[in-house]
């Protein structure tokens, strides 16, 4: 193996370690982002469902009053 001036044996191994660490950091960041988006989506869905339920309940109440 030929080394550039100032480059020492073992540097390639260090480079591989850095690349693996970088991959791990990126994978962790992507996983966290996906989990966050998923969680926000679920919360939004819950709000939409509860809002729809409230609207339905209000509609039922209105209909009951109209029947009287």
PDB file of N, CA and C in Angstrom:
ATOM      1  N   UNK A   1       0.849  -1.185   0.000  1.00  0.00           N
ATOM      2  CA  UNK A   1       0.000   0.000   0.000  1.00  0.00           C
ATOM      3  C   UNK A   1       0.890   1.243   0.000  1.00  0.00           C
ATOM      4  N   UNK A   2       0.532   2.244  -0.788  1.00  0.00           N
ATOM      5  CA  UNK A   2       1.319   3.478  -0.869  1.00  0.00           C
ATOM      6  C   UNK A   2       0.597   4.559  -0.073  1.00  0.00           C
ATOM      7  N   UNK A   3       1.342   5.240   0.785  1.00  0.00           N
ATOM      8  CA  UNK A   3       0.749   6.279   1.623  1.00  0.00           C
ATOM      9  C   UNK A   3       1.160   7.657   1.119  1.00  0.00           C
ATOM     10  N   UNK A   4       0.247   8.582   1.183  1.00  0.00           N
ATOM     11  CA  UNK A   4       0.533   9.968   0.814  1.00  0.00           C
ATOM     12  C   UNK A   4       1.440  10.562   1.884  1.00  0.00           C
ATOM     13  N   UNK A   5       2.141  11.632   1.549  1.00  0.00           N
ATOM     14  CA  UNK A   5       3.012  12.252   2.556  1.00  0.00           C
ATOM     15  C   UNK A   5       2.209  12.660   3.792  1.00  0.00           C
ATOM     16  N   UNK A   6       2.711  12.304   4.948  1.00  0.00           N
ATOM     17  CA  UNK A   6       2.033  12.642   6.196  1.00  0.00           C
ATOM     18  C   UNK A   6       0.984  11.637   6.612  1.00  0.00           C
ATOM     19  N   UNK A   7       0.647  10.684   5.732  1.00  0.00           N
ATOM     20  CA  UNK A   7      -0.355   9.678   6.056  1.00  0.00           C
ATOM     21  C   UNK A   7       0.345   8.490   6.703  1.00  0.00           C
ATOM     22  N   UNK A   8      -0.242   7.983   7.771  1.00  0.00           N
ATOM     23  CA  UNK A   8       0.392   6.906   8.514  1.00  0.00           C
ATOM     24  C   UNK A   8      -0.402   5.610   8.334  1.00  0.00           C
ATOM     25  N   UNK A   9       0.265   4.470   8.478  1.00  0.00           N
ATOM     26  CA  UNK A   9      -0.483   3.200   8.453  1.00  0.00           C
ATOM     27  C   UNK A   9      -1.532   3.203   9.561  1.00  0.00           C
ATOM     28  N   UNK A  10      -2.674   2.626   9.275  1.00  0.00           N
ATOM     29  CA  UNK A  10      -3.750   2.618  10.264  1.00  0.00           C
ATOM     30  C   UNK A  10      -4.776   3.704   9.994  1.00  0.00           C
ATOM     31  N   UNK A  11      -4.424   4.673   9.181  1.00  0.00           N
ATOM     32  CA  UNK A  11      -5.339   5.764   8.868  1.00  0.00           C
ATOM     33  C   UNK A  11      -6.550   5.240   8.102  1.00  0.00           C
ATOM     34  N   UNK A  12      -6.316   4.258   7.247  1.00  0.00           N
ATOM     35  CA  UNK A  12      -7.428   3.672   6.492  1.00  0.00           C
ATOM     36  C   UNK A  12      -8.432   3.022   7.445  1.00  0.00           C
ATOM     37  N   UNK A  13      -7.908   2.380   8.464  1.00  0.00           N
ATOM     38  CA  UNK A  13      -8.779   1.748   9.468  1.00  0.00           C
ATOM     39  C   UNK A  13      -9.591   2.832  10.201  1.00  0.00           C
ATOM     40  N   UNK A  14      -8.924   3.936  10.517  1.00  0.00           N
ATOM     41  CA  UNK A  14      -9.619   5.048  11.169  1.00  0.00           C
ATOM     42  C   UNK A  14     -10.712   5.608  10.256  1.00  0.00           C
ATOM     43  N   UNK A  15     -10.409   5.671   8.962  1.00  0.00           N
ATOM     44  CA  UNK A  15     -11.376   6.174   7.984  1.00  0.00           C
ATOM     45  C   UNK A  15     -12.615   5.281   7.955  1.00  0.00           C
ATOM     46  N   UNK A  16     -12.393   3.968   7.989  1.00  0.00           N
ATOM     47  CA  UNK A  16     -13.513   3.022   8.000  1.00  0.00           C
ATOM     48  C   UNK A  16     -14.349   3.216   9.263  1.00  0.00           C
ATOM     49  N   UNK A  17     -13.680   3.415  10.385  1.00  0.00           N
ATOM     50  CA  UNK A  17     -14.406   3.651  11.648  1.00  0.00           C
ATOM     51  C   UNK A  17     -15.262   4.916  11.550  1.00  0.00           C
ATOM     52  N   UNK A  18     -14.666   5.960  10.969  1.00  0.00           N
ATOM     53  CA  UNK A  18     -15.407   7.214  10.805  1.00  0.00           C
ATOM     54  C   UNK A  18     -16.600   7.036   9.869  1.00  0.00           C
ATOM     55  N   UNK A  19     -16.389   6.298   8.783  1.00  0.00           N
ATOM     56  CA  UNK A  19     -17.491   6.061   7.849  1.00  0.00           C
ATOM     57  C   UNK A  19     -18.617   5.277   8.524  1.00  0.00           C
ATOM     58  N   UNK A  20     -18.249   4.259   9.301  1.00  0.00           N
ATOM     59  CA  UNK A  20     -19.267   3.467  10.000  1.00  0.00           C
ATOM     60  C   UNK A  20     -20.007   4.307  11.035  1.00  0.00           C
ATOM     61  N   UNK A  21     -19.268   5.153  11.742  1.00  0.00           N
ATOM     62  CA  UNK A  21     -19.898   6.035  12.730  1.00  0.00           C
ATOM     63  C   UNK A  21     -20.850   7.012  12.040  1.00  0.00           C
ATOM     64  N   UNK A  22     -20.413   7.538  10.897  1.00  0.00           N
ATOM     65  CA  UNK A  22     -21.268   8.467  10.140  1.00  0.00           C
ATOM     66  C   UNK A  22     -22.535   7.781   9.667  1.00  0.00           C
ATOM     67  N   UNK A  23     -22.405   6.557   9.162  1.00  0.00           N
ATOM     68  CA  UNK A  23     -23.586   5.800   8.722  1.00  0.00           C
ATOM     69  C   UNK A  23     -24.551   5.594   9.881  1.00  0.00           C
ATOM     70  N   UNK A  24     -23.998   5.256  11.049  1.00  0.00           N
ATOM     71  CA  UNK A  24     -24.833   5.018  12.236  1.00  0.00           C
ATOM     72  C   UNK A  24     -25.567   6.300  12.626  1.00  0.00           C
ATOM     73  N   UNK A  25     -24.870   7.419  12.592  1.00  0.00           N
ATOM     74  CA  UNK A  25     -25.487   8.705  12.938  1.00  0.00           C
ATOM     75  C   UNK A  25     -26.623   9.033  11.969  1.00  0.00           C
ATOM     76  N   UNK A  26     -26.381   8.832  10.686  1.00  0.00           N
ATOM     77  CA  UNK A  26     -27.399   9.120   9.673  1.00  0.00           C
ATOM     78  C   UNK A  26     -28.602   8.195   9.852  1.00  0.00           C
ATOM     79  N   UNK A  27     -28.346   6.910  10.080  1.00  0.00           N
ATOM     80  CA  UNK A  27     -29.442   5.959  10.265  1.00  0.00           C
ATOM     81  C   UNK A  27     -30.281   6.327  11.486  1.00  0.00           C
ATOM     82  N   UNK A  28     -29.614   6.709  12.570  1.00  0.00           N
ATOM     83  CA  UNK A  28     -30.323   7.102  13.788  1.00  0.00           C
ATOM     84  C   UNK A  28     -31.157   8.360  13.551  1.00  0.00           C
ATOM     85  N   UNK A  29     -30.589   9.322  12.837  1.00  0.00           N
ATOM     86  CA  UNK A  29     -31.306  10.569  12.549  1.00  0.00           C
ATOM     87  C   UNK A  29     -32.539  10.295  11.689  1.00  0.00           C
ATOM     88  N   UNK A  30     -32.385   9.434  10.682  1.00  0.00           N
ATOM     89  CA  UNK A  30     -33.521   9.104   9.814  1.00  0.00           C
ATOM     90  C   UNK A  30     -34.595   8.383  10.613  1.00  0.00           C
ATOM     91  N   UNK A  31     -34.194   7.432  11.438  1.00  0.00           N
ATOM     92  CA  UNK A  31     -35.155   6.688  12.256  1.00  0.00           C
ATOM     93  C   UNK A  31     -35.934   7.622  13.169  1.00  0.00           C
ATOM     94  N   UNK A  32     -35.230   8.540  13.816  1.00  0.00           N
ATOM     95  CA  UNK A  32     -35.903   9.501  14.710  1.00  0.00           C
ATOM     96  C   UNK A  32     -36.871  10.390  13.940  1.00  0.00           C
ATOM     97  N   UNK A  33     -36.461  10.823  12.764  1.00  0.00           N
ATOM     98  CA  UNK A  33     -37.329  11.682  11.950  1.00  0.00           C
ATOM     99  C   UNK A  33     -38.588  10.938  11.533  1.00  0.00           C
ATOM    100  N   UNK A  34     -38.427   9.687  11.123  1.00  0.00           N
ATOM    101  CA  UNK A  34     -39.588   8.882  10.722  1.00  0.00           C
ATOM    102  C   UNK A  34     -40.522   8.674  11.910  1.00  0.00           C
ATOM    103  N   UNK A  35     -39.949   8.375  13.069  1.00  0.00           N
ATOM    104  CA  UNK A  35     -40.772   8.180  14.271  1.00  0.00           C
ATOM    105  C   UNK A  35     -41.518   9.459  14.632  1.00  0.00           C
ATOM    106  N   UNK A  36     -40.858  10.595  14.506  1.00  0.00           N
ATOM    107  CA  UNK A  36     -41.493  11.872  14.839  1.00  0.00           C
ATOM    108  C   UNK A  36     -42.644  12.172  13.886  1.00  0.00           C
ATOM    109  N   UNK A  37     -42.418  11.971  12.599  1.00  0.00           N
ATOM    110  CA  UNK A  37     -43.474  12.219  11.612  1.00  0.00           C
ATOM    111  C   UNK A  37     -44.648  11.283  11.868  1.00  0.00           C
ATOM    112  N   UNK A  38     -44.355  10.024  12.170  1.00  0.00           N
ATOM    113  CA  UNK A  38     -45.400   9.044  12.452  1.00  0.00           C
ATOM    114  C   UNK A  38     -46.211   9.459  13.679  1.00  0.00           C
ATOM    115  N   UNK A  39     -45.497   9.887  14.718  1.00  0.00           N
ATOM    116  CA  UNK A  39     -46.166  10.308  15.952  1.00  0.00           C
ATOM    117  C   UNK A  39     -47.041  11.539  15.701  1.00  0.00           C
ATOM    118  N   UNK A  40     -46.530  12.506  14.962  1.00  0.00           N
ATOM    119  CA  UNK A  40     -47.303  13.713  14.655  1.00  0.00           C
ATOM    120  C   UNK A  40     -48.525  13.368  13.818  1.00  0.00           C
ATOM    121  N   UNK A  41     -48.372  12.443  12.913  1.00  0.00           N
ATOM    122  CA  UNK A  41     -49.481  12.017  12.067  1.00  0.00           C
ATOM    123  C   UNK A  41     -50.576  11.359  12.915  1.00  0.00           C
ATOM    124  N   UNK A  42     -50.160  10.516  13.867  1.00  0.00           N
ATOM    125  CA  UNK A  42     -51.130   9.857  14.737  1.00  0.00           C
ATOM    126  C   UNK A  42     -51.862  10.875  15.601  1.00  0.00           C
ATOM    127  N   UNK A  43     -51.128  11.865  16.115  1.00  0.00           N
ATOM    128  CA  UNK A  43     -51.760  12.893  16.943  1.00  0.00           C
ATOM    129  C   UNK A  43     -52.753  13.705  16.116  1.00  0.00           C
ATOM    130  N   UNK A  44     -52.388  14.017  14.894  1.00  0.00           N
ATOM    131  CA  UNK A  44     -53.277  14.778  14.012  1.00  0.00           C
ATOM    132  C   UNK A  44     -54.538  13.961  13.732  1.00  0.00           C
ATOM    133  N   UNK A  45     -54.353  12.657  13.514  1.00  0.00           N
ATOM    134  CA  UNK A  45     -55.492  11.776  13.238  1.00  0.00           C
ATOM    135  C   UNK A  45     -56.422  11.717  14.447  1.00  0.00           C
ATOM    136  N   UNK A  46     -55.847  11.661  15.647  1.00  0.00           N
ATOM    137  CA  UNK A  46     -56.669  11.638  16.863  1.00  0.00           C
ATOM    138  C   UNK A  46     -57.475  12.927  16.987  1.00  0.00           C
ATOM    139  N   UNK A  47     -56.810  14.062  16.693  1.00  0.00           N
ATOM    140  CA  UNK A  47     -57.527  15.347  16.776  1.00  0.00           C
ATOM    141  C   UNK A  47     -58.654  15.387  15.750  1.00  0.00           C
ATOM    142  N   UNK A  48     -58.389  14.900  14.556  1.00  0.00           N
ATOM    143  CA  UNK A  48     -59.405  14.890  13.506  1.00  0.00           C
ATOM    144  C   UNK A  48     -60.572  14.000  13.908  1.00  0.00           C
ATOM    145  N   UNK A  49     -60.253  12.822  14.453  1.00  0.00           N
ATOM    146  CA  UNK A  49     -61.306  11.892  14.868  1.00  0.00           C
ATOM    147  C   UNK A  49     -62.133  12.469  16.008  1.00  0.00           C
ATOM    148  N   UNK A  50     -61.497  13.095  16.991  1.00  0.00           N
ATOM    149  CA  UNK A  50     -62.258  13.649  18.107  1.00  0.00           C
ATOM    150  C   UNK A  50     -63.089  14.840  17.632  1.00  0.00           C
ATOM    151  N   UNK A  51     -62.553  15.617  16.706  1.00  0.00           N
ATOM    152  CA  UNK A  51     -63.300  16.744  16.154  1.00  0.00           C
ATOM    153  C   UNK A  51     -64.520  16.241  15.387  1.00  0.00           C
ATOM    154  N   UNK A  52     -64.335  15.183  14.609  1.00  0.00           N
ATOM    155  CA  UNK A  52     -65.444  14.591  13.856  1.00  0.00           C
ATOM    156  C   UNK A  52     -66.485  14.045  14.814  1.00  0.00           C
ATOM    157  N   UNK A  53     -66.044  13.400  15.894  1.00  0.00           N
ATOM    158  CA  UNK A  53     -66.975  12.862  16.887  1.00  0.00           C
ATOM    159  C   UNK A  53     -67.788  13.978  17.522  1.00  0.00           C
ATOM    160  N   UNK A  54     -67.117  15.070  17.842  1.00  0.00           N
ATOM    161  CA  UNK A  54     -67.830  16.204  18.430  1.00  0.00           C
ATOM    162  C   UNK A  54     -68.859  16.755  17.448  1.00  0.00           C
ATOM    163  N   UNK A  55     -68.478  16.863  16.192  1.00  0.00           N
ATOM    164  CA  UNK A  55     -69.410  17.368  15.188  1.00  0.00           C
ATOM    165  C   UNK A  55     -70.596  16.432  15.040  1.00  0.00           C
ATOM    166  N   UNK A  56     -70.342  15.131  15.053  1.00  0.00           N
ATOM    167  CA  UNK A  56     -71.434  14.159  14.951  1.00  0.00           C
ATOM    168  C   UNK A  56     -72.365  14.260  16.157  1.00  0.00           C
ATOM    169  N   UNK A  57     -71.762  14.368  17.358  1.00  0.00           N
ATOM    170  CA  UNK A  57     -72.572  14.487  18.569  1.00  0.00           C
ATOM    171  C   UNK A  57     -73.412  15.763  18.529  1.00  0.00           C
ATOM    172  N   UNK A  58     -72.833  16.845  18.093  1.00  0.00           N
ATOM    173  CA  UNK A  58     -73.585  18.102  17.987  1.00  0.00           C
ATOM    174  C   UNK A  58     -74.724  17.950  16.984  1.00  0.00           C
ATOM    175  N   UNK A  59     -74.442  17.259  15.889  1.00  0.00           N
ATOM    176  CA  UNK A  59     -75.476  17.023  14.880  1.00  0.00           C
ATOM    177  C   UNK A  59     -76.612  16.200  15.459  1.00  0.00           C
ATOM    178  N   UNK A  60     -76.322  15.189  16.260  1.00  0.00           N
ATOM    179  CA  UNK A  60     -77.356  14.354  16.871  1.00  0.00           C
ATOM    180  C   UNK A  60     -78.192  15.184  17.834  1.00  0.00           C
ATOM    181  N   UNK A  61     -77.500  16.032  18.615  1.00  0.00           N
ATOM    182  CA  UNK A  61     -78.226  16.875  19.557  1.00  0.00           C
ATOM    183  C   UNK A  61     -79.162  17.816  18.817  1.00  0.00           C
ATOM    184  N   UNK A  62     -78.676  18.396  17.739  1.00  0.00           N
ATOM    185  CA  UNK A  62     -79.489  19.320  16.948  1.00  0.00           C
ATOM    186  C   UNK A  62     -80.706  18.591  16.393  1.00  0.00           C
ATOM    187  N   UNK A  63     -80.517  17.390  15.902  1.00  0.00           N
ATOM    188  CA  UNK A  63     -81.622  16.614  15.326  1.00  0.00           C
ATOM    189  C   UNK A  63     -82.640  16.254  16.391  1.00  0.00           C
ATOM    190  N   UNK A  64     -82.159  15.915  17.608  1.00  0.00           N
ATOM    191  CA  UNK A  64     -83.074  15.573  18.693  1.00  0.00           C
ATOM    192  C   UNK A  64     -83.954  16.780  19.033  1.00  0.00           C
ATOM    193  N   UNK A  65     -83.362  17.954  19.096  1.00  0.00           N
ATOM    194  CA  UNK A  65     -84.117  19.155  19.410  1.00  0.00           C
ATOM    195  C   UNK A  65     -85.117  19.492  18.318  1.00  0.00           C
ATOM    196  N   UNK A  66     -84.730  19.225  17.086  1.00  0.00           N
ATOM    197  CA  UNK A  66     -85.626  19.523  15.958  1.00  0.00           C
ATOM    198  C   UNK A  66     -86.833  18.598  15.987  1.00  0.00           C
ATOM    199  N   UNK A  67     -86.689  17.373  16.464  1.00  0.00           N
ATOM    200  CA  UNK A  67     -87.809  16.427  16.501  1.00  0.00           C
ATOM    201  C   UNK A  67     -88.877  16.855  17.488  1.00  0.00           C
ATOM    202  N   UNK A  68     -88.473  17.530  18.556  1.00  0.00           N
ATOM    203  CA  UNK A  68     -89.425  17.928  19.606  1.00  0.00           C
ATOM    204  C   UNK A  68     -90.352  18.968  19.130  1.00  0.00           C
TER     205      UNK A  68
END
